[in-house]
PDB file of N, CA and C in Angstrom:
ATOM      1  N   MET A   1      20.846  39.883  60.317  1.00  0.00           N
ATOM      2  CA  MET A   1      21.198  38.491  60.456  1.00  0.00           C
ATOM      3  C   MET A   1      21.488  37.900  59.082  1.00  0.00           C
ATOM      4  N   SER A   2      22.513  37.097  59.006  1.00  0.00           N
ATOM      5  CA  SER A   2      22.945  36.509  57.752  1.00  0.00           C
ATOM      6  C   SER A   2      22.000  35.400  57.303  1.00  0.00           C
ATOM      7  N   ARG A   3      21.855  35.256  55.998  1.00  0.00           N
ATOM      8  CA  ARG A   3      21.053  34.162  55.457  1.00  0.00           C
ATOM      9  C   ARG A   3      21.864  32.878  55.379  1.00  0.00           C
ATOM     10  N   ILE A   4      23.173  32.987  55.552  1.00  0.00           N
ATOM     11  CA  ILE A   4      24.058  31.827  55.516  1.00  0.00           C
ATOM     12  C   ILE A   4      24.466  31.495  56.943  1.00  0.00           C
ATOM     13  N   ALA A   5      24.340  30.241  57.308  1.00  0.00           N
ATOM     14  CA  ALA A   5      24.683  29.821  58.669  1.00  0.00           C
ATOM     15  C   ALA A   5      26.173  30.028  58.935  1.00  0.00           C
ATOM     16  N   ALA A   6      26.475  30.375  60.165  1.00  0.00           N
ATOM     17  CA  ALA A   6      27.868  30.576  60.561  1.00  0.00           C
ATOM     18  C   ALA A   6      28.619  29.249  60.540  1.00  0.00           C
ATOM     19  N   HIS A   7      29.873  29.319  60.147  1.00  0.00           N
ATOM     20  CA  HIS A   7      30.728  28.137  60.137  1.00  0.00           C
ATOM     21  C   HIS A   7      31.434  28.044  61.481  1.00  0.00           C
ATOM     22  N   PRO A   8      31.413  26.883  62.123  1.00  0.00           N
ATOM     23  CA  PRO A   8      32.090  26.768  63.424  1.00  0.00           C
ATOM     24  C   PRO A   8      33.595  26.953  63.268  1.00  0.00           C
ATOM     25  N   PRO A   9      34.248  27.426  64.319  1.00  0.00           N
ATOM     26  CA  PRO A   9      35.692  27.671  64.229  1.00  0.00           C
ATOM     27  C   PRO A   9      36.490  26.373  64.310  1.00  0.00           C
ATOM     28  N   LYS A  10      36.390  25.558  63.282  1.00  0.00           N
ATOM     29  CA  LYS A  10      37.116  24.289  63.234  1.00  0.00           C
ATOM     30  C   LYS A  10      38.415  24.489  62.470  1.00  0.00           C
ATOM     31  N   GLY A  11      39.464  23.904  62.988  1.00  0.00           N
ATOM     32  CA  GLY A  11      40.764  24.000  62.337  1.00  0.00           C
ATOM     33  C   GLY A  11      41.580  25.151  62.903  1.00  0.00           C
ATOM     34  N   LEU A  12      42.874  24.981  62.864  1.00  0.00           N
ATOM     35  CA  LEU A  12      43.788  25.959  63.444  1.00  0.00           C
ATOM     36  C   LEU A  12      43.673  27.335  62.784  1.00  0.00           C
ATOM     37  N   MET A  13      43.638  27.363  61.456  1.00  0.00           N
ATOM     38  CA  MET A  13      43.593  28.640  60.738  1.00  0.00           C
ATOM     39  C   MET A  13      42.310  29.401  61.055  1.00  0.00           C
ATOM     40  N   ARG A  14      41.172  28.731  61.018  1.00  0.00           N
ATOM     41  CA  ARG A  14      39.908  29.409  61.309  1.00  0.00           C
ATOM     42  C   ARG A  14      39.868  29.916  62.751  1.00  0.00           C
ATOM     43  N   ARG A  15      40.337  29.088  63.689  1.00  0.00           N
ATOM     44  CA  ARG A  15      40.349  29.526  65.095  1.00  0.00           C
ATOM     45  C   ARG A  15      41.231  30.753  65.275  1.00  0.00           C
ATOM     46  N   ALA A  16      42.372  30.771  64.596  1.00  0.00           N
ATOM     47  CA  ALA A  16      43.275  31.922  64.692  1.00  0.00           C
ATOM     48  C   ALA A  16      42.627  33.170  64.101  1.00  0.00           C
ATOM     49  N   ILE A  17      41.970  33.028  62.956  1.00  0.00           N
ATOM     50  CA  ILE A  17      41.316  34.173  62.318  1.00  0.00           C
ATOM     51  C   ILE A  17      40.158  34.672  63.179  1.00  0.00           C
ATOM     52  N   TYR A  18      39.383  33.763  63.755  1.00  0.00           N
ATOM     53  CA  TYR A  18      38.290  34.166  64.642  1.00  0.00           C
ATOM     54  C   TYR A  18      38.840  34.959  65.828  1.00  0.00           C
ATOM     55  N   ALA A  19      39.937  34.463  66.420  1.00  0.00           N
ATOM     56  CA  ALA A  19      40.527  35.140  67.585  1.00  0.00           C
ATOM     57  C   ALA A  19      41.059  36.523  67.212  1.00  0.00           C
ATOM     58  N   LEU A  20      41.742  36.625  66.080  1.00  0.00           N
ATOM     59  CA  LEU A  20      42.261  37.928  65.641  1.00  0.00           C
ATOM     60  C   LEU A  20      41.127  38.911  65.363  1.00  0.00           C
ATOM     61  N   SER A  21      40.057  38.403  64.759  1.00  0.00           N
ATOM     62  CA  SER A  21      38.912  39.271  64.464  1.00  0.00           C
ATOM     63  C   SER A  21      38.263  39.776  65.743  1.00  0.00           C
ATOM     64  N   ARG A  22      38.110  38.903  66.718  1.00  0.00           N
ATOM     65  CA  ARG A  22      37.530  39.327  68.004  1.00  0.00           C
ATOM     66  C   ARG A  22      38.407  40.380  68.670  1.00  0.00           C
ATOM     67  N   ARG A  23      39.714  40.182  68.613  1.00  0.00           N
ATOM     68  CA  ARG A  23      40.622  41.144  69.226  1.00  0.00           C
ATOM     69  C   ARG A  23      40.515  42.505  68.521  1.00  0.00           C
ATOM     70  N   LYS A  24      40.462  42.467  67.212  1.00  0.00           N
ATOM     71  CA  LYS A  24      40.393  43.714  66.442  1.00  0.00           C
ATOM     72  C   LYS A  24      39.086  44.464  66.696  1.00  0.00           C
ATOM     73  N   PHE A  25      37.998  43.742  66.874  1.00  0.00           N
ATOM     74  CA  PHE A  25      36.686  44.364  67.038  1.00  0.00           C
ATOM     75  C   PHE A  25      36.210  44.327  68.488  1.00  0.00           C
ATOM     76  N   GLU A  26      37.145  44.426  69.403  1.00  0.00           N
ATOM     77  CA  GLU A  26      36.873  44.585  70.834  1.00  0.00           C
ATOM     78  C   GLU A  26      35.963  43.495  71.399  1.00  0.00           C
ATOM     79  N   GLY A  27      36.289  42.248  71.103  1.00  0.00           N
ATOM     80  CA  GLY A  27      35.566  41.124  71.675  1.00  0.00           C
ATOM     81  C   GLY A  27      34.367  40.644  70.887  1.00  0.00           C
ATOM     82  N   VAL A  28      34.030  41.330  69.815  1.00  0.00           N
ATOM     83  CA  VAL A  28      32.872  40.952  69.004  1.00  0.00           C
ATOM     84  C   VAL A  28      33.363  40.329  67.699  1.00  0.00           C
ATOM     85  N   LEU A  29      32.828  39.164  67.359  1.00  0.00           N
ATOM     86  CA  LEU A  29      33.170  38.526  66.094  1.00  0.00           C
ATOM     87  C   LEU A  29      32.237  39.074  65.019  1.00  0.00           C
ATOM     88  N   PRO A  30      32.774  39.807  64.035  1.00  0.00           N
ATOM     89  CA  PRO A  30      31.919  40.350  62.979  1.00  0.00           C
ATOM     90  C   PRO A  30      31.189  39.235  62.225  1.00  0.00           C
ATOM     91  N   GLU A  31      29.947  39.466  61.918  1.00  0.00           N
ATOM     92  CA  GLU A  31      29.114  38.461  61.259  1.00  0.00           C
ATOM     93  C   GLU A  31      29.719  37.909  59.966  1.00  0.00           C
ATOM     94  N   PRO A  32      30.382  38.722  59.141  1.00  0.00           N
ATOM     95  CA  PRO A  32      30.932  38.174  57.899  1.00  0.00           C
ATOM     96  C   PRO A  32      32.021  37.116  58.101  1.00  0.00           C
ATOM     97  N   VAL A  33      32.710  37.138  59.232  1.00  0.00           N
ATOM     98  CA  VAL A  33      33.824  36.201  59.431  1.00  0.00           C
ATOM     99  C   VAL A  33      33.354  34.743  59.399  1.00  0.00           C
ATOM    100  N   PRO A  34      32.403  34.328  60.244  1.00  0.00           N
ATOM    101  CA  PRO A  34      31.988  32.924  60.179  1.00  0.00           C
ATOM    102  C   PRO A  34      31.236  32.565  58.897  1.00  0.00           C
ATOM    103  N   VAL A  35      30.692  33.541  58.217  1.00  0.00           N
ATOM    104  CA  VAL A  35      30.036  33.267  56.934  1.00  0.00           C
ATOM    105  C   VAL A  35      31.098  32.994  55.868  1.00  0.00           C
ATOM    106  N   HIS A  36      32.121  33.849  55.804  1.00  0.00           N
ATOM    107  CA  HIS A  36      33.208  33.637  54.846  1.00  0.00           C
ATOM    108  C   HIS A  36      34.006  32.375  55.173  1.00  0.00           C
ATOM    109  N   ALA A  37      33.950  31.918  56.424  1.00  0.00           N
ATOM    110  CA  ALA A  37      34.749  30.777  56.867  1.00  0.00           C
ATOM    111  C   ALA A  37      34.313  29.450  56.249  1.00  0.00           C
ATOM    112  N   HIS A  38      33.191  29.428  55.535  1.00  0.00           N
ATOM    113  CA  HIS A  38      32.803  28.196  54.847  1.00  0.00           C
ATOM    114  C   HIS A  38      33.857  27.811  53.819  1.00  0.00           C
ATOM    115  N   SER A  39      34.543  28.800  53.288  1.00  0.00           N
ATOM    116  CA  SER A  39      35.624  28.559  52.334  1.00  0.00           C
ATOM    117  C   SER A  39      36.867  29.265  52.864  1.00  0.00           C
ATOM    118  N   LEU A  40      37.856  28.501  53.256  1.00  0.00           N
ATOM    119  CA  LEU A  40      39.064  29.094  53.818  1.00  0.00           C
ATOM    120  C   LEU A  40      39.751  30.044  52.833  1.00  0.00           C
ATOM    121  N   PRO A  41      39.859  29.704  51.531  1.00  0.00           N
ATOM    122  CA  PRO A  41      40.459  30.667  50.600  1.00  0.00           C
ATOM    123  C   PRO A  41      39.672  31.983  50.517  1.00  0.00           C
ATOM    124  N   VAL A  42      38.346  31.904  50.575  1.00  0.00           N
ATOM    125  CA  VAL A  42      37.531  33.124  50.561  1.00  0.00           C
ATOM    126  C   VAL A  42      37.771  33.928  51.831  1.00  0.00           C
ATOM    127  N   LEU A  43      37.810  33.248  52.969  1.00  0.00           N
ATOM    128  CA  LEU A  43      38.043  33.925  54.246  1.00  0.00           C
ATOM    129  C   LEU A  43      39.388  34.642  54.252  1.00  0.00           C
ATOM    130  N   VAL A  44      40.419  33.976  53.801  1.00  0.00           N
ATOM    131  CA  VAL A  44      41.757  34.574  53.772  1.00  0.00           C
ATOM    132  C   VAL A  44      41.804  35.726  52.768  1.00  0.00           C
ATOM    133  N   GLY A  45      41.216  35.536  51.598  1.00  0.00           N
ATOM    134  CA  GLY A  45      41.202  36.593  50.584  1.00  0.00           C
ATOM    135  C   GLY A  45      40.426  37.815  51.039  1.00  0.00           C
ATOM    136  N   TRP A  46      39.281  37.591  51.652  1.00  0.00           N
ATOM    137  CA  TRP A  46      38.475  38.704  52.169  1.00  0.00           C
ATOM    138  C   TRP A  46      39.236  39.455  53.248  1.00  0.00           C
ATOM    139  N   GLY A  47      39.900  38.702  54.135  1.00  0.00           N
ATOM    140  CA  GLY A  47      40.694  39.332  55.191  1.00  0.00           C
ATOM    141  C   GLY A  47      41.832  40.160  54.625  1.00  0.00           C
ATOM    142  N   ALA A  48      42.485  39.644  53.588  1.00  0.00           N
ATOM    143  CA  ALA A  48      43.575  40.389  52.951  1.00  0.00           C
ATOM    144  C   ALA A  48      43.046  41.671  52.314  1.00  0.00           C
ATOM    145  N   PHE A  49      41.879  41.580  51.662  1.00  0.00           N
ATOM    146  CA  PHE A  49      41.272  42.768  51.060  1.00  0.00           C
ATOM    147  C   PHE A  49      40.972  43.823  52.123  1.00  0.00           C
ATOM    148  N   GLU A  50      40.347  43.403  53.213  1.00  0.00           N
ATOM    149  CA  GLU A  50      40.013  44.336  54.291  1.00  0.00           C
ATOM    150  C   GLU A  50      41.268  44.967  54.884  1.00  0.00           C
ATOM    151  N   ASP A  51      42.304  44.166  55.062  1.00  0.00           N
ATOM    152  CA  ASP A  51      43.562  44.667  55.618  1.00  0.00           C
ATOM    153  C   ASP A  51      44.187  45.714  54.700  1.00  0.00           C
ATOM    154  N   ARG A  52      44.204  45.445  53.405  1.00  0.00           N
ATOM    155  CA  ARG A  52      44.793  46.395  52.449  1.00  0.00           C
ATOM    156  C   ARG A  52      43.953  47.672  52.364  1.00  0.00           C
ATOM    157  N   MET A  53      42.646  47.544  52.437  1.00  0.00           N
ATOM    158  CA  MET A  53      41.804  48.740  52.388  1.00  0.00           C
ATOM    159  C   MET A  53      42.084  49.648  53.583  1.00  0.00           C
ATOM    160  N   GLU A  54      42.364  49.058  54.743  1.00  0.00           N
ATOM    161  CA  GLU A  54      42.679  49.860  55.924  1.00  0.00           C
ATOM    162  C   GLU A  54      44.021  50.555  55.796  1.00  0.00           C
ATOM    163  N   LYS A  55      44.953  49.932  55.104  1.00  0.00           N
ATOM    164  CA  LYS A  55      46.321  50.446  55.037  1.00  0.00           C
ATOM    165  C   LYS A  55      46.625  51.235  53.772  1.00  0.00           C
ATOM    166  N   THR A  56      45.677  51.323  52.858  1.00  0.00           N
ATOM    167  CA  THR A  56      45.959  51.954  51.576  1.00  0.00           C
ATOM    168  C   THR A  56      46.330  53.425  51.722  1.00  0.00           C
ATOM    169  N   LYS A  57      47.302  53.818  50.939  1.00  0.00           N
ATOM    170  CA  LYS A  57      47.718  55.219  50.878  1.00  0.00           C
ATOM    171  C   LYS A  57      47.470  55.778  49.473  1.00  0.00           C
ATOM    172  N   ALA A  58      47.052  54.892  48.553  1.00  0.00           N
ATOM    173  CA  ALA A  58      46.869  55.284  47.165  1.00  0.00           C
ATOM    174  C   ALA A  58      45.682  56.223  46.975  1.00  0.00           C
ATOM    175  N   ILE A  59      44.663  56.076  47.820  1.00  0.00           N
ATOM    176  CA  ILE A  59      43.501  56.952  47.723  1.00  0.00           C
ATOM    177  C   ILE A  59      43.185  57.527  49.097  1.00  0.00           C
ATOM    178  N   ASP A  60      42.441  58.595  49.092  1.00  0.00           N
ATOM    179  CA  ASP A  60      42.038  59.266  50.321  1.00  0.00           C
ATOM    180  C   ASP A  60      41.278  58.296  51.233  1.00  0.00           C
ATOM    181  N   ARG A  61      41.536  58.370  52.520  1.00  0.00           N
ATOM    182  CA  ARG A  61      40.907  57.472  53.501  1.00  0.00           C
ATOM    183  C   ARG A  61      39.385  57.559  53.454  1.00  0.00           C
ATOM    184  N   LYS A  62      38.857  58.771  53.312  1.00  0.00           N
ATOM    185  CA  LYS A  62      37.399  58.931  53.264  1.00  0.00           C
ATOM    186  C   LYS A  62      36.819  58.236  52.035  1.00  0.00           C
ATOM    187  N   LEU A  63      37.520  58.373  50.900  1.00  0.00           N
ATOM    188  CA  LEU A  63      37.053  57.726  49.677  1.00  0.00           C
ATOM    189  C   LEU A  63      37.093  56.206  49.826  1.00  0.00           C
ATOM    190  N   ALA A  64      38.159  55.687  50.425  1.00  0.00           N
ATOM    191  CA  ALA A  64      38.259  54.240  50.651  1.00  0.00           C
ATOM    192  C   ALA A  64      37.110  53.757  51.529  1.00  0.00           C
ATOM    193  N   ASP A  65      36.796  54.520  52.576  1.00  0.00           N
ATOM    194  CA  ASP A  65      35.683  54.146  53.453  1.00  0.00           C
ATOM    195  C   ASP A  65      34.361  54.147  52.696  1.00  0.00           C
ATOM    196  N   LEU A  66      34.169  55.129  51.832  1.00  0.00           N
ATOM    197  CA  LEU A  66      32.936  55.194  51.044  1.00  0.00           C
ATOM    198  C   LEU A  66      32.846  54.030  50.059  1.00  0.00           C
ATOM    199  N   VAL A  67      33.980  53.614  49.495  1.00  0.00           N
ATOM    200  CA  VAL A  67      33.999  52.465  48.584  1.00  0.00           C
ATOM    201  C   VAL A  67      33.573  51.203  49.326  1.00  0.00           C
ATOM    202  N   VAL A  68      34.111  51.007  50.518  1.00  0.00           N
ATOM    203  CA  VAL A  68      33.745  49.831  51.316  1.00  0.00           C
ATOM    204  C   VAL A  68      32.260  49.873  51.668  1.00  0.00           C
ATOM    205  N   LEU A  69      31.764  51.044  52.037  1.00  0.00           N
ATOM    206  CA  LEU A  69      30.353  51.181  52.391  1.00  0.00           C
ATOM    207  C   LEU A  69      29.453  50.914  51.182  1.00  0.00           C
ATOM    208  N   LYS A  70      29.845  51.403  50.019  1.00  0.00           N
ATOM    209  CA  LYS A  70      29.066  51.159  48.799  1.00  0.00           C
ATOM    210  C   LYS A  70      29.060  49.668  48.453  1.00  0.00           C
ATOM    211  N   SER A  71      30.196  49.013  48.626  1.00  0.00           N
ATOM    212  CA  SER A  71      30.270  47.566  48.385  1.00  0.00           C
ATOM    213  C   SER A  71      29.320  46.821  49.309  1.00  0.00           C
ATOM    214  N   ALA A  72      29.284  47.231  50.569  1.00  0.00           N
ATOM    215  CA  ALA A  72      28.381  46.606  51.538  1.00  0.00           C
ATOM    216  C   ALA A  72      26.927  46.797  51.121  1.00  0.00           C
ATOM    217  N   ALA A  73      26.616  47.981  50.606  1.00  0.00           N
ATOM    218  CA  ALA A  73      25.248  48.254  50.162  1.00  0.00           C
ATOM    219  C   ALA A  73      24.887  47.395  48.948  1.00  0.00           C
ATOM    220  N   LEU A  74      25.833  47.243  48.035  1.00  0.00           N
ATOM    221  CA  LEU A  74      25.564  46.465  46.825  1.00  0.00           C
ATOM    222  C   LEU A  74      25.316  44.988  47.122  1.00  0.00           C
ATOM    223  N   VAL A  75      26.028  44.445  48.093  1.00  0.00           N
ATOM    224  CA  VAL A  75      25.836  43.030  48.417  1.00  0.00           C
ATOM    225  C   VAL A  75      24.777  42.818  49.487  1.00  0.00           C
ATOM    226  N   GLY A  76      24.326  43.900  50.121  1.00  0.00           N
ATOM    227  CA  GLY A  76      23.257  43.801  51.108  1.00  0.00           C
ATOM    228  C   GLY A  76      23.674  43.241  52.456  1.00  0.00           C
ATOM    229  N   CYS A  77      24.903  43.503  52.855  1.00  0.00           N
ATOM    230  CA  CYS A  77      25.394  43.013  54.147  1.00  0.00           C
ATOM    231  C   CYS A  77      25.001  44.010  55.235  1.00  0.00           C
ATOM    232  N   GLU A  78      24.006  43.636  56.041  1.00  0.00           N
ATOM    233  CA  GLU A  78      23.507  44.551  57.071  1.00  0.00           C
ATOM    234  C   GLU A  78      24.574  44.888  58.105  1.00  0.00           C
ATOM    235  N   TRP A  79      25.328  43.883  58.546  1.00  0.00           N
ATOM    236  CA  TRP A  79      26.374  44.142  59.539  1.00  0.00           C
ATOM    237  C   TRP A  79      27.409  45.098  58.958  1.00  0.00           C
ATOM    238  N   CYS A  80      27.807  44.856  57.708  1.00  0.00           N
ATOM    239  CA  CYS A  80      28.812  45.708  57.067  1.00  0.00           C
ATOM    240  C   CYS A  80      28.311  47.147  56.954  1.00  0.00           C
ATOM    241  N   LEU A  81      27.039  47.312  56.638  1.00  0.00           N
ATOM    242  CA  LEU A  81      26.468  48.655  56.539  1.00  0.00           C
ATOM    243  C   LEU A  81      26.453  49.353  57.892  1.00  0.00           C
ATOM    244  N   ASP A  82      26.041  48.637  58.933  1.00  0.00           N
ATOM    245  CA  ASP A  82      26.009  49.230  60.276  1.00  0.00           C
ATOM    246  C   ASP A  82      27.404  49.620  60.736  1.00  0.00           C
ATOM    247  N   TYR A  83      28.325  48.675  60.645  1.00  0.00           N
ATOM    248  CA  TYR A  83      29.685  48.939  61.107  1.00  0.00           C
ATOM    249  C   TYR A  83      30.354  49.995  60.222  1.00  0.00           C
ATOM    250  N   GLY A  84      30.193  49.852  58.905  1.00  0.00           N
ATOM    251  CA  GLY A  84      30.804  50.800  57.972  1.00  0.00           C
ATOM    252  C   GLY A  84      30.290  52.212  58.156  1.00  0.00           C
ATOM    253  N   SER A  85      29.013  52.358  58.445  1.00  0.00           N
ATOM    254  CA  SER A  85      28.449  53.689  58.682  1.00  0.00           C
ATOM    255  C   SER A  85      29.074  54.337  59.906  1.00  0.00           C
ATOM    256  N   ALA A  86      29.304  53.545  60.934  1.00  0.00           N
ATOM    257  CA  ALA A  86      29.949  54.080  62.140  1.00  0.00           C
ATOM    258  C   ALA A  86      31.388  54.482  61.854  1.00  0.00           C
ATOM    259  N   VAL A  87      32.092  53.661  61.090  1.00  0.00           N
ATOM    260  CA  VAL A  87      33.498  53.946  60.777  1.00  0.00           C
ATOM    261  C   VAL A  87      33.628  55.206  59.933  1.00  0.00           C
ATOM    262  N   VAL A  88      32.809  55.334  58.894  1.00  0.00           N
ATOM    263  CA  VAL A  88      32.944  56.515  58.040  1.00  0.00           C
ATOM    264  C   VAL A  88      32.580  57.779  58.802  1.00  0.00           C
ATOM    265  N   GLY A  89      31.635  57.674  59.724  1.00  0.00           N
ATOM    266  CA  GLY A  89      31.296  58.831  60.556  1.00  0.00           C
ATOM    267  C   GLY A  89      32.455  59.253  61.435  1.00  0.00           C
ATOM    268  N   GLU A  90      33.162  58.277  61.998  1.00  0.00           N
ATOM    269  CA  GLU A  90      34.328  58.574  62.836  1.00  0.00           C
ATOM    270  C   GLU A  90      35.469  59.166  62.025  1.00  0.00           C
ATOM    271  N   ASN A  91      35.536  58.828  60.742  1.00  0.00           N
ATOM    272  CA  ASN A  91      36.621  59.314  59.891  1.00  0.00           C
ATOM    273  C   ASN A  91      36.284  60.621  59.184  1.00  0.00           C
ATOM    274  N   GLY A  92      35.199  61.254  59.589  1.00  0.00           N
ATOM    275  CA  GLY A  92      34.896  62.587  59.086  1.00  0.00           C
ATOM    276  C   GLY A  92      34.061  62.663  57.825  1.00  0.00           C
ATOM    277  N   VAL A  93      33.407  61.581  57.437  1.00  0.00           N
ATOM    278  CA  VAL A  93      32.538  61.603  56.265  1.00  0.00           C
ATOM    279  C   VAL A  93      31.172  62.115  56.702  1.00  0.00           C
ATOM    280  N   SER A  94      30.662  63.102  55.993  1.00  0.00           N
ATOM    281  CA  SER A  94      29.379  63.698  56.372  1.00  0.00           C
ATOM    282  C   SER A  94      28.209  62.839  55.886  1.00  0.00           C
ATOM    283  N   ASP A  95      27.033  63.093  56.445  1.00  0.00           N
ATOM    284  CA  ASP A  95      25.825  62.377  56.021  1.00  0.00           C
ATOM    285  C   ASP A  95      25.525  62.634  54.550  1.00  0.00           C
ATOM    286  N   GLU A  96      25.813  63.838  54.081  1.00  0.00           N
ATOM    287  CA  GLU A  96      25.572  64.173  52.678  1.00  0.00           C
ATOM    288  C   GLU A  96      26.456  63.336  51.756  1.00  0.00           C
ATOM    289  N   GLN A  97      27.702  63.110  52.168  1.00  0.00           N
ATOM    290  CA  GLN A  97      28.613  62.314  51.355  1.00  0.00           C
ATOM    291  C   GLN A  97      28.184  60.851  51.313  1.00  0.00           C
ATOM    292  N   ILE A  98      27.627  60.381  52.418  1.00  0.00           N
ATOM    293  CA  ILE A  98      27.162  58.990  52.456  1.00  0.00           C
ATOM    294  C   ILE A  98      25.965  58.851  51.539  1.00  0.00           C
TER     295      ILE A  98
END
């Protein structure tokens, strides 16, 4: 559970981002979305970062997943760690590599 209260989906941009996030994550709104939504520039920037990390071809997909997981560990985001661990497992990263 986040230490920062969720921001309500007020405003057209936030509502659109909330809806897109739910669609992407099969009906579940990831915890970081309403937390980042306190600042619209942060929310948009974070979303752009996540989008580019998914689409990057510059580095190996497994390495990119491990970078995201390490970032989640450094900032202490429990949701990010749970979700990221599942994603890296699906992408072929072994427990030893994690």
